[in-house]
Amino acid sequence: MQNVTAVAHRGDPYRFRENTLDSVRSALRRGADAVEIDVRLTRDGVPVLLHDETLNRLWEHDRPLSALTAAEVRELTAGGVPTLAEALTATGDARLMLDLPGLAGERAAHRIVEVVRAHGAADRVYYTADAQAMLAVRAADPAAEIALTRATLAPPRAGLLAAIRPRWLNYRFTLLSHDLVTHLHRSGLLVSTWTPDTRRSMRRLIGMGVDSITTNRVDALYAVRQALNP
């Protein structure tokens, strides 16, 4: 039985607010091999940890992040929304999967990659999002490790794979089957999946041979993995 990689989705969101330093640190304490965080840019081009376009759901400020400077975000959230630089510092040598929702082109990708490089973290960071975002990341960093997100069973075009050169294909967990995982492995790709939160689903996916699972309950995944690999 393979030792599947346990990735914490936005940290430990059932215990701490998602995409905060407390949430990320808690996930690492509870056995995460890597933490998935969402990264967006403020109006002045600072990468910060936030999934949504606005601060409304988590911070009760219905203003678009793209209209706020990093200083304004810090003030509105009492420092609760960390910068990518702060997250890289806080996580030591831990692996981070950077999800880039709504990435707006190569300039934005370059800014995120620059912060990763400035912190000497290129060898422990990998990137995930849709094809358009991952093409921008590939242009910004020819050596980047990429997990191309797939929300459909339609196979990615050969030309797209050649341009992005992903190491992983990252599927919604309900789409995967043993045959698909086997086919992708034979094609030289690793398989990651998101976001099963029940132990039954985790065991089923591990049985299929997936290489990585991203979950909101990383402690449960850690326990399942320990039971299967005593």
Foldseek 3Di string as FASTA:
>chain_A
DDLAAQEEEQAQCVVDPGQFLVRNVNNVVLPHQEYEFEWDAALVLFIWTDDDQACCPPQNDGDGRNDGHPVRVCVSRVNGIGTPLVNLVSPDLGAYEYEYPPQDALVSLLSVVVSCVVSVNQVRYAYEDALRVLLSNCVNPVPGAYAYEDADPPDDDPVSCVSNVHQAHEYALVPDDLVVCVVCVVVRHAYEYDEDEDLVSLVRVVVSPHRYYYYSCSSSNVVSSVVVVD
